[in-house]
Amino acid sequence: MKQLLEYIVKSIVETPQDVNIHSCEGKKTTLYEIEINKNDIGKIIGKDGVTLDSINTLLSVASVKNNKKSVLEIID
């Protein structure tokens, strides 16, 4: 799951070497924290949050396989 998220985020941003993803797993939920360059935050969020919503949707669909919920946070 983490590799999927890393692949998606690194494909979008201009500085993929600055992307760090941390995950904290609980019983029913997994929290993913994305650390990116401040200049790339707008690219990840997208216009009206459309890009971020799409990433969340892909993450949620992939998480169903493990019967878990995924939460995504951007850290600047």
C-alpha atoms as a PDB file:
ATOM      1  CA  MET A   1       0.000   0.000   0.000  1.00  0.00           C
ATOM      2  CA  LYS A   2       2.806   2.356   0.930  1.00  0.00           C
ATOM      3  CA  GLN A   3       4.560   1.633  -2.370  1.00  0.00           C
ATOM      4  CA  LEU A   4       1.381   2.464  -4.302  1.00  0.00           C
ATOM      5  CA  LEU A   5       1.021   5.780  -2.506  1.00  0.00           C
ATOM      6  CA  GLU A   6       4.710   6.581  -2.980  1.00  0.00           C
ATOM      7  CA  TYR A   7       4.495   5.825  -6.707  1.00  0.00           C
ATOM      8  CA  ILE A   8       1.440   8.061  -7.178  1.00  0.00           C
ATOM      9  CA  VAL A   9       2.857  10.995  -5.210  1.00  0.00           C
ATOM     10  CA  LYS A  10       6.305  10.836  -6.823  1.00  0.00           C
ATOM     11  CA  SER A  11       4.690  10.846 -10.283  1.00  0.00           C
ATOM     12  CA  ILE A  12       2.855  14.085  -9.519  1.00  0.00           C
ATOM     13  CA  VAL A  13       5.453  16.246  -7.758  1.00  0.00           C
ATOM     14  CA  GLU A  14       8.389  18.105  -9.319  1.00  0.00           C
ATOM     15  CA  THR A  15      10.889  17.019  -6.643  1.00  0.00           C
ATOM     16  CA  PRO A  16      10.311  13.286  -6.062  1.00  0.00           C
ATOM     17  CA  GLN A  17      13.508  12.970  -4.028  1.00  0.00           C
ATOM     18  CA  ASP A  18      11.876  15.081  -1.270  1.00  0.00           C
ATOM     19  CA  VAL A  19       8.934  12.685  -0.830  1.00  0.00           C
ATOM     20  CA  ASN A  20       8.833  10.748   2.448  1.00  0.00           C
ATOM     21  CA  ILE A  21       5.884   8.618   3.490  1.00  0.00           C
ATOM     22  CA  HIS A  22       5.366   7.437   7.059  1.00  0.00           C
ATOM     23  CA  SER A  23       2.667   4.990   8.091  1.00  0.00           C
ATOM     24  CA  CYS A  24       1.135   4.205  11.472  1.00  0.00           C
ATOM     25  CA  GLU A  25      -1.016   1.090  11.580  1.00  0.00           C
ATOM     26  CA  GLY A  26      -3.804   0.461  14.042  1.00  0.00           C
ATOM     27  CA  LYS A  27      -6.344  -2.348  14.280  1.00  0.00           C
ATOM     28  CA  LYS A  28      -8.843  -0.861  11.825  1.00  0.00           C
ATOM     29  CA  THR A  29      -7.084   2.224  10.433  1.00  0.00           C
ATOM     30  CA  THR A  30      -3.783   3.055   8.787  1.00  0.00           C
ATOM     31  CA  LEU A  31      -2.532   6.641   8.841  1.00  0.00           C
ATOM     32  CA  TYR A  32      -0.263   7.718   5.996  1.00  0.00           C
ATOM     33  CA  GLU A  33       1.691  10.939   6.410  1.00  0.00           C
ATOM     34  CA  ILE A  34       3.154  12.411   3.238  1.00  0.00           C
ATOM     35  CA  GLU A  35       6.126  14.715   3.679  1.00  0.00           C
ATOM     36  CA  ILE A  36       6.811  16.748   0.524  1.00  0.00           C
ATOM     37  CA  ASN A  37       8.505  19.935  -0.595  1.00  0.00           C
ATOM     38  CA  LYS A  38       6.434  23.053   0.145  1.00  0.00           C
ATOM     39  CA  ASN A  39       6.433  23.975  -3.536  1.00  0.00           C
ATOM     40  CA  ASP A  40       4.659  20.701  -4.402  1.00  0.00           C
ATOM     41  CA  ILE A  41       1.776  20.939  -1.935  1.00  0.00           C
ATOM     42  CA  GLY A  42      -0.467  22.633  -4.500  1.00  0.00           C
ATOM     43  CA  LYS A  43       0.178  19.868  -7.018  1.00  0.00           C
ATOM     44  CA  ILE A  44      -0.836  17.164  -4.548  1.00  0.00           C
ATOM     45  CA  ILE A  45      -3.976  18.991  -3.414  1.00  0.00           C
ATOM     46  CA  GLY A  46      -5.017  20.020  -6.923  1.00  0.00           C
ATOM     47  CA  LYS A  47      -7.722  22.448  -7.922  1.00  0.00           C
ATOM     48  CA  ASP A  48     -10.476  22.371  -5.282  1.00  0.00           C
ATOM     49  CA  GLY A  49      -8.807  19.279  -3.763  1.00  0.00           C
ATOM     50  CA  VAL A  50      -9.664  17.037  -6.704  1.00  0.00           C
ATOM     51  CA  THR A  51      -6.226  15.395  -6.903  1.00  0.00           C
ATOM     52  CA  LEU A  52      -6.091  14.710  -3.173  1.00  0.00           C
ATOM     53  CA  ASP A  53      -9.618  13.265  -3.247  1.00  0.00           C
ATOM     54  CA  SER A  54      -8.614  10.973  -6.104  1.00  0.00           C
ATOM     55  CA  ILE A  55      -5.553   9.742  -4.196  1.00  0.00           C
ATOM     56  CA  ASN A  56      -7.760   9.128  -1.140  1.00  0.00           C
ATOM     57  CA  THR A  57     -10.218   7.157  -3.272  1.00  0.00           C
ATOM     58  CA  LEU A  58      -7.475   4.936  -4.711  1.00  0.00           C
ATOM     59  CA  LEU A  59      -6.056   4.379  -1.235  1.00  0.00           C
ATOM     60  CA  SER A  60      -9.479   3.500   0.177  1.00  0.00           C
ATOM     61  CA  VAL A  61     -10.211   1.022  -2.605  1.00  0.00           C
ATOM     62  CA  ALA A  62      -6.849  -0.669  -2.103  1.00  0.00           C
ATOM     63  CA  SER A  63      -7.413  -0.782   1.692  1.00  0.00           C
ATOM     64  CA  VAL A  64     -10.690  -2.677   1.399  1.00  0.00           C
ATOM     65  CA  LYS A  65      -8.677  -5.797   0.581  1.00  0.00           C
ATOM     66  CA  ASN A  66      -7.183  -5.688   4.101  1.00  0.00           C
ATOM     67  CA  ASN A  67     -10.477  -4.702   5.811  1.00  0.00           C
ATOM     68  CA  LYS A  68      -8.914  -1.444   6.975  1.00  0.00           C
ATOM     69  CA  LYS A  69      -9.595   2.248   6.547  1.00  0.00           C
ATOM     70  CA  SER A  70      -6.857   4.567   5.299  1.00  0.00           C
ATOM     71  CA  VAL A  71      -6.332   8.173   6.335  1.00  0.00           C
ATOM     72  CA  LEU A  72      -4.027  10.488   4.400  1.00  0.00           C
ATOM     73  CA  GLU A  73      -2.269  13.582   5.812  1.00  0.00           C
ATOM     74  CA  ILE A  74       0.071  16.036   4.140  1.00  0.00           C
ATOM     75  CA  ILE A  75       2.906  17.360   6.289  1.00  0.00           C
ATOM     76  CA  ASP A  76       4.711  20.501   5.190  1.00  0.00           C
END
